[in-house]
N, C-alpha and C. Protein backbone atom coordinates (compact mmCIF):
# COMPACT_ATOMS: atom_id res chain seq x y z
N MET A 1 17.73 123.83 45.18
CA MET A 1 18.20 124.77 46.13
C MET A 1 19.42 125.47 45.60
N THR A 2 19.56 126.71 45.86
CA THR A 2 20.66 127.53 45.35
C THR A 2 21.63 127.88 46.49
N THR A 3 22.83 127.77 46.27
CA THR A 3 23.88 128.07 47.22
C THR A 3 24.51 129.39 46.86
N GLU A 4 25.28 129.99 47.82
CA GLU A 4 25.90 131.29 47.58
C GLU A 4 26.81 131.32 46.40
N SER A 5 27.46 130.15 46.15
CA SER A 5 28.41 130.08 45.00
C SER A 5 27.76 130.11 43.67
N GLU A 6 26.41 129.81 43.67
CA GLU A 6 25.67 129.82 42.38
C GLU A 6 25.07 131.13 42.05
N VAL A 7 24.95 132.07 42.96
CA VAL A 7 24.39 133.37 42.76
C VAL A 7 25.26 134.24 41.87
N PRO A 8 24.77 134.75 40.76
CA PRO A 8 25.66 135.47 39.85
C PRO A 8 26.07 136.85 40.42
N GLN A 9 27.28 137.25 40.17
CA GLN A 9 27.75 138.57 40.57
C GLN A 9 27.23 139.68 39.61
N GLU A 10 27.03 140.87 40.17
CA GLU A 10 26.60 142.01 39.37
C GLU A 10 27.63 142.50 38.47
N VAL A 11 27.32 142.78 37.28
CA VAL A 11 28.35 143.18 36.27
C VAL A 11 28.24 144.66 36.15
N THR A 12 29.37 145.39 36.12
CA THR A 12 29.45 146.83 35.93
C THR A 12 29.88 147.18 34.52
N ASP A 13 29.63 148.39 34.15
CA ASP A 13 29.96 148.86 32.73
C ASP A 13 31.27 149.57 32.71
N VAL A 14 32.24 149.26 33.61
CA VAL A 14 33.48 150.00 33.61
C VAL A 14 34.44 149.35 32.70
N VAL A 15 35.12 150.11 31.89
CA VAL A 15 36.12 149.55 31.02
C VAL A 15 37.44 149.52 31.79
N VAL A 16 38.06 148.35 31.82
CA VAL A 16 39.26 148.17 32.57
C VAL A 16 40.44 148.11 31.65
N GLU A 17 41.44 148.99 31.86
CA GLU A 17 42.64 148.92 31.08
C GLU A 17 43.43 147.68 31.48
N PRO A 18 44.21 147.14 30.60
CA PRO A 18 45.05 145.94 31.02
C PRO A 18 46.04 146.35 32.12
N GLY A 19 46.09 145.58 33.15
CA GLY A 19 46.93 145.85 34.28
C GLY A 19 46.36 146.74 35.32
N GLN A 20 45.13 147.10 35.14
CA GLN A 20 44.46 147.98 36.17
C GLN A 20 43.29 147.20 36.79
N GLU A 21 43.22 147.38 38.07
CA GLU A 21 42.12 146.64 38.84
C GLU A 21 40.97 147.61 39.03
N THR A 22 39.74 147.07 39.04
CA THR A 22 38.62 147.83 39.35
C THR A 22 38.23 147.78 40.81
N ASP A 23 37.85 148.95 41.32
CA ASP A 23 37.39 149.00 42.67
C ASP A 23 35.91 149.19 42.64
N PRO A 24 35.14 148.15 42.98
CA PRO A 24 33.66 148.35 42.95
C PRO A 24 33.07 149.45 43.82
N VAL A 25 33.77 149.76 44.92
CA VAL A 25 33.22 150.89 45.70
C VAL A 25 33.49 152.20 45.02
N ALA A 26 34.64 152.33 44.42
CA ALA A 26 34.96 153.56 43.69
C ALA A 26 34.02 153.75 42.51
N THR A 27 33.76 152.68 41.81
CA THR A 27 32.82 152.68 40.67
C THR A 27 31.43 153.09 41.13
N LEU A 28 30.92 152.51 42.16
CA LEU A 28 29.59 152.86 42.65
C LEU A 28 29.57 154.30 43.16
N THR A 29 30.70 154.69 43.86
CA THR A 29 30.65 156.09 44.34
C THR A 29 30.65 157.03 43.20
N SER A 30 31.38 156.81 42.16
CA SER A 30 31.41 157.77 41.02
C SER A 30 30.03 157.78 40.33
N ASP A 31 29.33 156.64 40.23
CA ASP A 31 27.99 156.61 39.69
C ASP A 31 27.01 157.38 40.56
N LEU A 32 27.12 157.23 41.87
CA LEU A 32 26.29 157.95 42.80
C LEU A 32 26.53 159.44 42.73
N GLN A 33 27.71 159.90 42.56
CA GLN A 33 28.09 161.28 42.45
C GLN A 33 27.52 161.90 41.16
N ARG A 34 27.60 161.15 40.12
CA ARG A 34 27.14 161.54 38.83
C ARG A 34 25.58 161.68 38.88
N LEU A 35 24.88 160.73 39.48
CA LEU A 35 23.43 160.81 39.63
C LEU A 35 23.02 162.00 40.53
N GLN A 36 23.84 162.24 41.57
CA GLN A 36 23.48 163.34 42.47
C GLN A 36 23.64 164.67 41.68
N ALA A 37 24.67 164.80 40.89
CA ALA A 37 24.89 166.00 40.15
C ALA A 37 23.79 166.19 39.09
N GLU A 38 23.42 165.13 38.41
CA GLU A 38 22.31 165.21 37.43
C GLU A 38 20.99 165.68 38.17
N TYR A 39 20.71 165.10 39.29
CA TYR A 39 19.50 165.50 40.04
C TYR A 39 19.52 166.95 40.50
N ALA A 40 20.68 167.37 40.98
CA ALA A 40 20.88 168.77 41.38
C ALA A 40 20.59 169.72 40.19
N ASN A 41 21.19 169.38 39.04
CA ASN A 41 20.91 170.19 37.80
C ASN A 41 19.51 170.22 37.47
N TYR A 42 18.84 169.07 37.54
CA TYR A 42 17.38 168.97 37.19
C TYR A 42 16.57 169.81 38.11
N ARG A 43 16.88 169.82 39.48
CA ARG A 43 16.17 170.61 40.38
C ARG A 43 16.34 172.14 40.04
N LYS A 44 17.60 172.51 39.76
CA LYS A 44 17.86 173.93 39.41
C LYS A 44 17.11 174.31 38.17
N ARG A 45 17.07 173.47 37.18
CA ARG A 45 16.40 173.79 35.92
C ARG A 45 14.87 173.94 36.17
N VAL A 46 14.29 173.02 36.99
CA VAL A 46 12.89 173.06 37.27
C VAL A 46 12.56 174.42 38.08
N GLU A 47 13.34 174.71 39.04
CA GLU A 47 13.16 175.99 39.75
C GLU A 47 13.22 177.17 38.90
N ARG A 48 14.22 177.21 37.97
CA ARG A 48 14.36 178.29 37.03
C ARG A 48 13.14 178.43 36.14
N ASP A 49 12.69 177.25 35.53
CA ASP A 49 11.53 177.23 34.73
C ASP A 49 10.24 177.66 35.43
N ARG A 50 10.15 177.30 36.71
CA ARG A 50 9.00 177.64 37.51
C ARG A 50 9.05 179.22 37.72
N ALA A 51 10.18 179.76 37.99
CA ALA A 51 10.30 181.20 38.21
C ALA A 51 9.94 181.97 36.92
N VAL A 52 10.41 181.43 35.86
CA VAL A 52 10.12 182.09 34.48
C VAL A 52 8.65 182.10 34.22
N ALA A 53 7.99 180.94 34.46
CA ALA A 53 6.56 180.76 34.26
C ALA A 53 5.76 181.72 35.16
N HIS A 54 6.21 181.88 36.43
CA HIS A 54 5.55 182.81 37.36
C HIS A 54 5.69 184.20 36.87
N GLU A 55 6.85 184.65 36.48
CA GLU A 55 7.09 186.01 35.98
C GLU A 55 6.19 186.24 34.70
N SER A 56 6.16 185.25 33.87
CA SER A 56 5.41 185.38 32.66
C SER A 56 3.90 185.56 32.93
N ALA A 57 3.40 184.83 33.89
CA ALA A 57 1.97 184.92 34.30
C ALA A 57 1.62 186.26 34.90
N VAL A 58 2.56 186.67 35.83
CA VAL A 58 2.28 187.97 36.41
C VAL A 58 2.36 189.11 35.39
N GLY A 59 3.30 189.03 34.47
CA GLY A 59 3.43 190.03 33.40
C GLY A 59 2.17 190.05 32.52
N ALA A 60 1.64 188.83 32.20
CA ALA A 60 0.40 188.84 31.41
C ALA A 60 -0.74 189.51 32.10
N VAL A 61 -0.88 189.30 33.39
CA VAL A 61 -1.98 189.95 34.18
C VAL A 61 -1.78 191.45 34.21
N LEU A 62 -0.52 191.84 34.43
CA LEU A 62 -0.27 193.30 34.49
C LEU A 62 -0.43 194.00 33.16
N THR A 63 -0.17 193.28 32.12
CA THR A 63 -0.38 193.78 30.74
C THR A 63 -1.85 194.08 30.54
N GLU A 64 -2.66 193.13 30.98
CA GLU A 64 -4.16 193.37 30.85
C GLU A 64 -4.64 194.57 31.65
N LEU A 65 -3.95 194.88 32.77
CA LEU A 65 -4.36 196.08 33.60
C LEU A 65 -3.84 197.39 33.06
N LEU A 66 -3.00 197.42 32.09
CA LEU A 66 -2.42 198.71 31.62
C LEU A 66 -3.48 199.70 31.15
N ALA A 67 -4.47 199.17 30.39
CA ALA A 67 -5.54 200.06 29.90
C ALA A 67 -6.26 200.70 31.08
N LEU A 68 -6.49 199.87 32.08
CA LEU A 68 -7.22 200.53 33.28
C LEU A 68 -6.36 201.54 33.95
N LEU A 69 -5.08 201.30 34.05
CA LEU A 69 -4.16 202.29 34.65
C LEU A 69 -4.07 203.55 33.83
N ASP A 70 -4.12 203.42 32.51
CA ASP A 70 -4.15 204.55 31.65
C ASP A 70 -5.40 205.39 31.89
N ASP A 71 -6.59 204.74 31.99
CA ASP A 71 -7.83 205.47 32.25
C ASP A 71 -7.80 206.17 33.63
N VAL A 72 -7.25 205.53 34.60
CA VAL A 72 -7.07 206.22 35.89
C VAL A 72 -6.19 207.47 35.81
N ASP A 73 -5.04 207.33 35.08
CA ASP A 73 -4.13 208.51 34.88
C ASP A 73 -4.86 209.62 34.16
N ARG A 74 -5.65 209.28 33.16
CA ARG A 74 -6.36 210.34 32.40
C ARG A 74 -7.41 211.02 33.24
N ALA A 75 -8.12 210.23 34.08
CA ALA A 75 -9.13 210.78 35.02
C ALA A 75 -8.46 211.73 35.96
N GLU A 76 -7.24 211.35 36.46
CA GLU A 76 -6.54 212.17 37.49
C GLU A 76 -6.01 213.52 36.76
N GLN A 77 -5.61 213.40 35.48
CA GLN A 77 -5.15 214.56 34.80
C GLN A 77 -6.29 215.60 34.55
N HIS A 78 -7.52 215.10 34.39
CA HIS A 78 -8.65 215.91 34.07
C HIS A 78 -9.44 216.32 35.34
N GLY A 79 -8.90 215.97 36.51
CA GLY A 79 -9.53 216.29 37.81
C GLY A 79 -10.80 215.53 38.10
N GLU A 80 -11.03 214.46 37.46
CA GLU A 80 -12.22 213.59 37.66
C GLU A 80 -12.02 212.53 38.71
N LEU A 81 -10.92 212.55 39.31
CA LEU A 81 -10.58 211.46 40.30
C LEU A 81 -10.76 212.01 41.68
N SER A 82 -11.92 211.59 42.27
CA SER A 82 -12.24 212.11 43.59
C SER A 82 -13.10 211.13 44.35
N GLY A 83 -13.20 211.31 45.69
CA GLY A 83 -14.04 210.46 46.55
C GLY A 83 -13.62 209.00 46.53
N GLY A 84 -14.63 208.15 46.47
CA GLY A 84 -14.32 206.71 46.62
C GLY A 84 -13.58 206.21 45.45
N PHE A 85 -13.73 206.77 44.29
CA PHE A 85 -13.04 206.34 43.09
C PHE A 85 -11.51 206.60 43.19
N LYS A 86 -11.15 207.71 43.93
CA LYS A 86 -9.72 208.05 44.19
C LYS A 86 -9.14 207.01 45.07
N ALA A 87 -9.84 206.56 46.09
CA ALA A 87 -9.29 205.52 47.04
C ALA A 87 -9.07 204.21 46.23
N VAL A 88 -9.96 203.87 45.36
CA VAL A 88 -9.78 202.67 44.54
C VAL A 88 -8.57 202.80 43.65
N ALA A 89 -8.47 203.98 42.98
CA ALA A 89 -7.37 204.22 42.07
C ALA A 89 -5.99 204.18 42.86
N ASP A 90 -6.00 204.79 44.02
CA ASP A 90 -4.74 204.78 44.85
C ASP A 90 -4.36 203.32 45.21
N GLN A 91 -5.42 202.56 45.63
CA GLN A 91 -5.11 201.17 45.97
C GLN A 91 -4.65 200.32 44.78
N LEU A 92 -5.23 200.55 43.64
CA LEU A 92 -4.76 199.85 42.40
C LEU A 92 -3.33 200.24 42.11
N ASN A 93 -2.99 201.52 42.16
CA ASN A 93 -1.58 201.88 41.92
C ASN A 93 -0.68 201.32 42.97
N SER A 94 -1.08 201.29 44.17
CA SER A 94 -0.27 200.71 45.29
C SER A 94 0.00 199.20 45.08
N ILE A 95 -1.01 198.48 44.71
CA ILE A 95 -0.86 197.05 44.55
C ILE A 95 0.01 196.74 43.34
N THR A 96 -0.17 197.40 42.21
CA THR A 96 0.70 197.20 41.02
C THR A 96 2.16 197.52 41.32
N SER A 97 2.35 198.54 42.10
CA SER A 97 3.69 199.01 42.44
C SER A 97 4.36 197.90 43.31
N ARG A 98 3.66 197.43 44.31
CA ARG A 98 4.06 196.38 45.23
C ARG A 98 4.41 195.12 44.50
N ILE A 99 3.60 194.81 43.50
CA ILE A 99 3.90 193.57 42.66
C ILE A 99 5.24 193.80 41.85
N GLY A 100 5.55 194.97 41.47
CA GLY A 100 6.75 195.23 40.75
C GLY A 100 6.63 195.93 39.44
N LEU A 101 5.36 196.41 39.14
CA LEU A 101 5.12 197.17 37.90
C LEU A 101 5.74 198.59 38.01
N GLU A 102 6.57 198.91 37.05
CA GLU A 102 7.28 200.23 37.09
C GLU A 102 6.81 201.06 35.90
N LYS A 103 6.44 202.30 36.15
CA LYS A 103 6.05 203.18 35.08
C LYS A 103 7.27 204.04 34.70
N TYR A 104 7.55 204.23 33.37
CA TYR A 104 8.70 204.98 33.01
C TYR A 104 8.36 205.87 31.88
N GLY A 105 9.26 206.77 31.60
CA GLY A 105 9.12 207.74 30.49
C GLY A 105 8.93 209.12 31.07
N THR A 106 9.93 209.97 30.87
CA THR A 106 9.87 211.38 31.29
C THR A 106 10.27 212.24 30.12
N GLU A 107 9.63 213.41 30.07
CA GLU A 107 9.97 214.37 29.03
C GLU A 107 11.37 214.85 29.14
N GLY A 108 12.08 214.98 28.07
CA GLY A 108 13.40 215.46 28.09
C GLY A 108 14.50 214.45 28.12
N GLU A 109 14.12 213.19 28.33
CA GLU A 109 15.19 212.14 28.34
C GLU A 109 15.52 211.74 26.91
N ALA A 110 16.77 211.25 26.70
CA ALA A 110 17.17 210.82 25.40
C ALA A 110 16.28 209.75 24.82
N PHE A 111 16.06 209.79 23.56
CA PHE A 111 15.17 208.79 22.89
C PHE A 111 15.99 207.49 22.78
N ASP A 112 15.36 206.41 23.25
CA ASP A 112 15.99 205.06 23.15
C ASP A 112 14.92 204.14 22.48
N PRO A 113 15.20 203.72 21.28
CA PRO A 113 14.24 202.83 20.53
C PRO A 113 14.00 201.52 21.26
N GLN A 114 14.89 201.12 22.21
CA GLN A 114 14.67 199.90 22.99
C GLN A 114 13.43 200.03 23.94
N ILE A 115 13.23 201.21 24.43
CA ILE A 115 12.18 201.45 25.48
C ILE A 115 11.15 202.46 25.03
N HIS A 116 11.34 203.13 23.88
CA HIS A 116 10.39 204.17 23.46
C HIS A 116 9.83 203.77 22.11
N GLU A 117 8.62 204.18 21.87
CA GLU A 117 7.99 204.06 20.55
C GLU A 117 7.68 205.40 19.99
N ALA A 118 8.28 205.86 18.92
CA ALA A 118 8.13 207.19 18.37
C ALA A 118 6.82 207.28 17.62
N LEU A 119 5.96 208.20 18.03
CA LEU A 119 4.67 208.38 17.35
C LEU A 119 4.67 209.65 16.52
N MET A 120 5.46 210.64 16.96
CA MET A 120 5.54 211.93 16.33
C MET A 120 7.01 212.32 16.12
N HIS A 121 7.27 213.15 15.13
CA HIS A 121 8.67 213.54 14.92
C HIS A 121 8.68 215.03 14.69
N ASP A 122 9.75 215.67 15.22
CA ASP A 122 9.95 217.10 15.06
C ASP A 122 11.44 217.37 15.03
N GLU A 123 11.87 218.57 14.63
CA GLU A 123 13.22 219.04 14.67
C GLU A 123 13.32 220.38 15.42
N SER A 124 14.49 220.47 16.13
CA SER A 124 14.65 221.73 16.93
C SER A 124 16.13 221.94 17.09
N ALA A 125 16.51 223.22 17.13
CA ALA A 125 17.98 223.55 17.41
C ALA A 125 18.25 223.52 18.94
N ASP A 126 17.16 223.33 19.72
CA ASP A 126 17.31 223.37 21.19
C ASP A 126 17.84 222.07 21.72
N VAL A 127 17.91 220.99 20.89
CA VAL A 127 18.34 219.68 21.46
C VAL A 127 19.64 219.20 20.72
N ALA A 128 20.52 218.51 21.42
CA ALA A 128 21.73 218.02 20.79
C ALA A 128 21.61 216.54 20.35
N VAL A 129 20.72 215.79 20.98
CA VAL A 129 20.50 214.41 20.61
C VAL A 129 19.04 214.17 20.45
N ALA A 130 18.64 213.11 19.81
CA ALA A 130 17.19 212.79 19.74
C ALA A 130 16.59 212.67 21.11
N THR A 131 15.55 213.40 21.40
CA THR A 131 14.98 213.54 22.70
C THR A 131 13.50 213.20 22.71
N ALA A 132 13.00 212.45 23.76
CA ALA A 132 11.59 212.29 23.93
C ALA A 132 11.04 213.58 24.52
N SER A 133 10.48 214.41 23.62
CA SER A 133 10.05 215.79 24.06
C SER A 133 8.64 215.73 24.73
N LYS A 134 7.89 214.77 24.40
CA LYS A 134 6.55 214.66 25.01
C LYS A 134 6.13 213.16 25.22
N ILE A 135 5.67 212.87 26.36
CA ILE A 135 5.20 211.49 26.66
C ILE A 135 3.74 211.47 26.35
N LEU A 136 3.38 210.70 25.27
CA LEU A 136 2.01 210.58 24.86
C LEU A 136 1.33 209.44 25.70
N GLN A 137 2.10 208.42 26.09
CA GLN A 137 1.58 207.32 26.85
C GLN A 137 2.77 206.71 27.55
N PRO A 138 2.69 206.63 28.92
CA PRO A 138 3.91 206.07 29.63
C PRO A 138 4.13 204.68 29.28
N GLY A 139 5.37 204.30 29.51
CA GLY A 139 5.77 202.87 29.34
C GLY A 139 5.67 202.13 30.67
N TYR A 140 5.58 200.85 30.61
CA TYR A 140 5.54 200.04 31.82
C TYR A 140 6.51 198.82 31.70
N LYS A 141 7.19 198.50 32.68
CA LYS A 141 8.02 197.31 32.77
C LYS A 141 7.82 196.56 34.08
N TYR A 142 8.09 195.32 33.95
CA TYR A 142 8.04 194.38 35.13
C TYR A 142 9.25 193.56 35.18
N LYS A 143 10.05 193.74 36.21
CA LYS A 143 11.34 193.01 36.36
C LYS A 143 12.20 193.09 35.11
N GLU A 144 12.48 194.26 34.67
CA GLU A 144 13.38 194.54 33.50
C GLU A 144 12.76 194.05 32.20
N ARG A 145 11.51 193.59 32.18
CA ARG A 145 10.83 193.17 30.97
C ARG A 145 9.85 194.32 30.51
N ILE A 146 9.98 194.80 29.33
CA ILE A 146 9.14 195.84 28.83
C ILE A 146 7.75 195.24 28.56
N LEU A 147 6.72 195.70 29.27
CA LEU A 147 5.31 195.29 28.96
C LEU A 147 4.75 196.13 27.87
N ARG A 148 5.12 197.46 27.90
CA ARG A 148 4.66 198.34 26.84
C ARG A 148 5.64 199.45 26.75
N PRO A 149 6.16 199.75 25.55
CA PRO A 149 7.14 200.85 25.44
C PRO A 149 6.42 202.22 25.67
N ALA A 150 7.14 203.18 26.13
CA ALA A 150 6.61 204.51 26.26
C ALA A 150 6.42 205.13 24.84
N ARG A 151 5.23 205.66 24.63
CA ARG A 151 4.87 206.18 23.31
C ARG A 151 5.14 207.68 23.40
N VAL A 152 6.10 208.21 22.55
CA VAL A 152 6.60 209.55 22.73
C VAL A 152 6.63 210.34 21.36
N ALA A 153 6.69 211.63 21.59
CA ALA A 153 7.02 212.56 20.46
C ALA A 153 8.46 212.77 20.52
N VAL A 154 9.20 212.62 19.42
CA VAL A 154 10.65 212.70 19.36
C VAL A 154 11.05 214.10 18.67
N THR A 155 12.06 214.70 19.29
CA THR A 155 12.58 215.93 18.67
C THR A 155 14.04 215.66 18.41
N ASP A 156 14.40 215.81 17.10
CA ASP A 156 15.77 215.57 16.59
C ASP A 156 16.46 216.85 16.54
N PRO A 157 17.73 216.90 16.62
CA PRO A 157 18.47 218.14 16.41
C PRO A 157 18.29 218.66 14.96
N ALA A 158 18.23 219.98 14.82
CA ALA A 158 18.04 220.60 13.51
C ALA A 158 19.20 220.33 12.65
N GLY A 159 18.97 219.92 11.39
CA GLY A 159 19.98 219.68 10.33
C GLY A 159 20.70 218.35 10.48
N ALA A 160 20.13 217.44 11.32
CA ALA A 160 20.76 216.13 11.46
C ALA A 160 20.29 215.15 10.46
């Protein structure tokens, strides 16, 4: 039979300086606070990773749709977009816009190699800085992530 005096006391890993007493409640409280902080950081990291994975998956699906959106744009430019096909194209554009897909690239804007891909090059005295003079294929981005750069013809200033 075991009595209370024979039950071993729990040992803590706290280093005690000479002349300093340990408070078991304070030790356990600090351990609990440390564990709570570690768990809160873990939760934040998991949520951040989950958000990144979600954005990556949506970006991958939108990237696969870019060729279809290009075909719809070309059909619209050639006047072949009418009837039921126009309704489907409008709905496709509406859905991708609602998800967050943004089309960019306008003629006359300054050339930026971060968001443009130069396919043609020309020189002209009419421009002061390198300019995207013609948009050959629009660029697309999703949540500030470039899915495809705008493919452009670039006009540089003459004599530069």
